[in-house]
Protein backbone atom coordinates (compact mmCIF):
# COMPACT_ATOMS: atom_id res chain seq x y z
CA UNK A 1 20.36 -11.97 -16.22
CA UNK A 2 19.81 -10.78 -12.64
CA UNK A 3 16.34 -9.57 -11.68
CA UNK A 4 15.34 -8.32 -8.23
CA UNK A 5 12.02 -6.89 -7.09
CA UNK A 6 12.54 -3.41 -5.58
CA UNK A 7 9.26 -1.56 -4.92
CA UNK A 8 5.56 -1.04 -5.51
CA UNK A 9 4.25 2.47 -6.12
CA UNK A 10 0.94 3.99 -5.05
CA UNK A 11 -0.15 7.31 -6.54
CA UNK A 12 -1.96 9.19 -3.78
CA UNK A 13 -4.23 12.17 -3.44
CA UNK A 14 -2.27 13.17 -0.28
CA UNK A 15 1.02 11.26 -0.22
CA UNK A 16 2.10 12.37 3.27
CA UNK A 17 -1.19 11.33 4.92
CA UNK A 18 -1.14 7.98 3.13
CA UNK A 19 2.50 7.44 4.13
CA UNK A 20 1.55 8.26 7.74
CA UNK A 21 -1.21 5.64 7.53
CA UNK A 22 1.18 2.92 6.32
CA UNK A 23 3.68 3.89 9.03
CA UNK A 24 1.21 4.04 11.93
CA UNK A 25 -1.12 1.17 11.03
CA UNK A 26 1.03 -1.30 9.11
CA UNK A 27 4.53 -0.75 10.50
CA UNK A 28 6.26 0.73 7.46
CA UNK A 29 9.21 3.07 8.05
CA UNK A 30 9.74 6.25 6.02
CA UNK A 31 13.15 6.45 4.31
CA UNK A 32 14.23 10.10 4.02
CA UNK A 33 14.54 12.29 2.16
CA UNK A 34 11.17 13.37 0.84
CA UNK A 35 11.46 13.65 -2.94
CA UNK A 36 10.27 16.13 -5.52
CA UNK A 37 10.58 14.91 -9.10
CA UNK A 38 10.01 17.04 -12.19
CA UNK A 39 11.57 17.94 -15.48
CA UNK A 40 11.97 16.51 -18.93
CA UNK A 41 13.33 13.16 -17.71
CA UNK A 42 10.26 12.60 -15.46
CA UNK A 43 7.90 13.54 -18.30
CA UNK A 44 9.70 11.12 -20.62
CA UNK A 45 9.64 8.22 -18.13
CA UNK A 46 6.00 8.67 -17.08
CA UNK A 47 4.58 9.82 -20.39
CA UNK A 48 2.81 12.61 -18.47
CA UNK A 49 3.32 16.15 -19.83
CA UNK A 50 4.31 18.51 -17.03
CA UNK A 51 4.76 15.64 -14.55
CA UNK A 52 5.64 16.97 -11.10
CA UNK A 53 5.62 14.50 -8.21
CA UNK A 54 6.15 14.64 -4.46
CA UNK A 55 6.67 11.64 -2.20
CA UNK A 56 9.07 9.02 -0.99
CA UNK A 57 9.77 5.42 -0.05
CA UNK A 58 8.73 3.41 2.99
CA UNK A 59 10.53 0.28 4.17
CA UNK A 60 8.09 -2.62 4.34
CA UNK A 61 7.97 -4.51 7.65
CA UNK A 62 9.70 -7.87 7.99
CA UNK A 63 12.33 -7.58 5.25
CA UNK A 64 15.19 -5.66 6.85
CA UNK A 65 17.01 -2.64 5.53
CA UNK A 66 17.65 -4.09 2.07
CA UNK A 67 14.10 -5.29 1.46
CA UNK A 68 11.60 -3.95 -1.07
CA UNK A 69 9.83 -0.67 -0.41
CA UNK A 70 6.44 0.90 -0.84
CA UNK A 71 6.78 4.08 -2.89
CA UNK A 72 4.06 6.69 -2.36
CA UNK A 73 3.88 9.73 -4.62
CA UNK A 74 1.35 12.33 -5.58
CA UNK A 75 1.31 14.23 -8.84
CA UNK A 76 0.70 17.97 -8.78
CA UNK A 77 -2.17 17.11 -11.15
CA UNK A 78 -3.62 13.60 -11.06
CA UNK A 79 -6.52 11.68 -12.53
CA UNK A 80 -9.27 10.39 -10.24
CA UNK A 81 -9.18 6.81 -9.00
CA UNK A 82 -12.01 4.31 -8.98
CA UNK A 83 -13.87 2.37 -6.31
CA UNK A 84 -11.80 -0.54 -4.97
CA UNK A 85 -12.87 -3.94 -6.27
CA UNK A 86 -10.97 -7.17 -5.69
CA UNK A 87 -11.70 -8.37 -9.24
CA UNK A 88 -10.59 -5.17 -11.03
CA UNK A 89 -7.76 -5.70 -13.52
CA UNK A 90 -4.38 -4.39 -12.47
CA UNK A 91 -2.82 -4.35 -9.04
CA UNK A 92 -5.13 -6.36 -6.78
CA UNK A 93 -3.93 -5.67 -3.25
CA UNK A 94 -1.02 -5.21 -0.88
CA UNK A 95 -0.84 -8.02 1.71
CA UNK A 96 0.37 -7.73 5.31
CA UNK A 97 0.66 -10.48 7.89
CA UNK A 98 -0.55 -9.10 11.23
CA UNK A 99 -1.00 -10.47 14.74
CA UNK A 100 -4.68 -9.50 15.02
CA UNK A 101 -6.71 -9.02 11.85
CA UNK A 102 -9.77 -7.60 13.64
CA UNK A 103 -7.74 -5.04 15.61
CA UNK A 104 -5.76 -3.93 12.54
CA UNK A 105 -8.97 -3.72 10.50
CA UNK A 106 -10.49 -1.42 13.14
CA UNK A 107 -7.38 0.79 12.98
CA UNK A 108 -7.71 1.00 9.17
CA UNK A 109 -11.34 2.06 9.58
CA UNK A 110 -10.34 4.71 12.17
CA UNK A 111 -7.94 6.17 9.60
CA UNK A 112 -10.77 6.52 7.07
CA UNK A 113 -10.35 3.20 5.29
CA UNK A 114 -13.30 1.00 4.32
CA UNK A 115 -14.40 -2.62 4.36
CA UNK A 116 -14.16 -4.39 1.02
CA UNK A 117 -15.30 -7.81 2.22
CA UNK A 118 -15.75 -9.67 5.48
CA UNK A 119 -13.22 -10.93 7.99
CA UNK A 120 -13.13 -14.70 7.43
CA UNK A 121 -11.48 -17.40 9.55
CA UNK A 122 -11.02 -20.98 8.37
CA UNK A 123 -8.91 -24.03 9.12
CA UNK A 124 -6.30 -25.04 6.58
CA UNK A 125 -5.71 -28.71 5.75
CA UNK A 126 -2.75 -28.74 8.17
CA UNK A 127 -5.01 -27.51 10.99
CA UNK A 128 -3.75 -23.91 11.22
CA UNK A 129 -6.42 -21.26 11.76
CA UNK A 130 -6.20 -18.57 9.05
CA UNK A 131 -7.94 -15.23 9.27
CA UNK A 132 -8.07 -12.99 6.19
CA UNK A 133 -9.75 -9.66 5.41
CA UNK A 134 -9.74 -7.19 2.52
CA UNK A 135 -10.05 -3.51 3.39
CA UNK A 136 -9.35 -0.30 1.51
CA UNK A 137 -6.73 2.14 2.78
CA UNK A 138 -7.81 5.80 3.18
CA UNK A 139 -7.33 6.38 -0.57
CA UNK A 140 -9.10 3.24 -1.78
CA UNK A 141 -6.18 0.84 -2.39
CA UNK A 142 -7.03 -2.69 -1.27
CA UNK A 143 -5.04 -4.07 1.64
CA UNK A 144 -5.17 -7.75 2.60
CA UNK A 145 -4.67 -8.54 6.27
CA UNK A 146 -3.92 -12.11 7.26
CA UNK A 147 -2.87 -14.09 10.29
CA UNK A 148 -2.10 -17.73 10.96
CA UNK A 149 -2.39 -19.51 14.30
């Protein structure tokens, strides 16, 4: 049996703004076309009566054209989210390796994101310097930034 990971989906309050954030701050690339999904088949798949979604896929950086994507959609009617917490059950975070954790963290904050924890640097057993931070994107999804030197 062949299994291949294809994408992760975020349900957004404003899918286009969140997609812009992931493009501008974290190097994702939007893959046209924008999509509008509705109808009986969408209701049956999602289990949501009257489901009507707008959104699309973004290519994640570092994996080439055939790599997995980040899917961002918004429902015409959606339920509210909750405050981001690293120990909440479910999807924990999306992780991105970046050149400069501090600089990328500042960019996330400029886009309306928030700090979840502190920026921490430590030496691994092999001697490499690791820097890791958890922040929330503009809609409260946790993003891990990390670098290795």
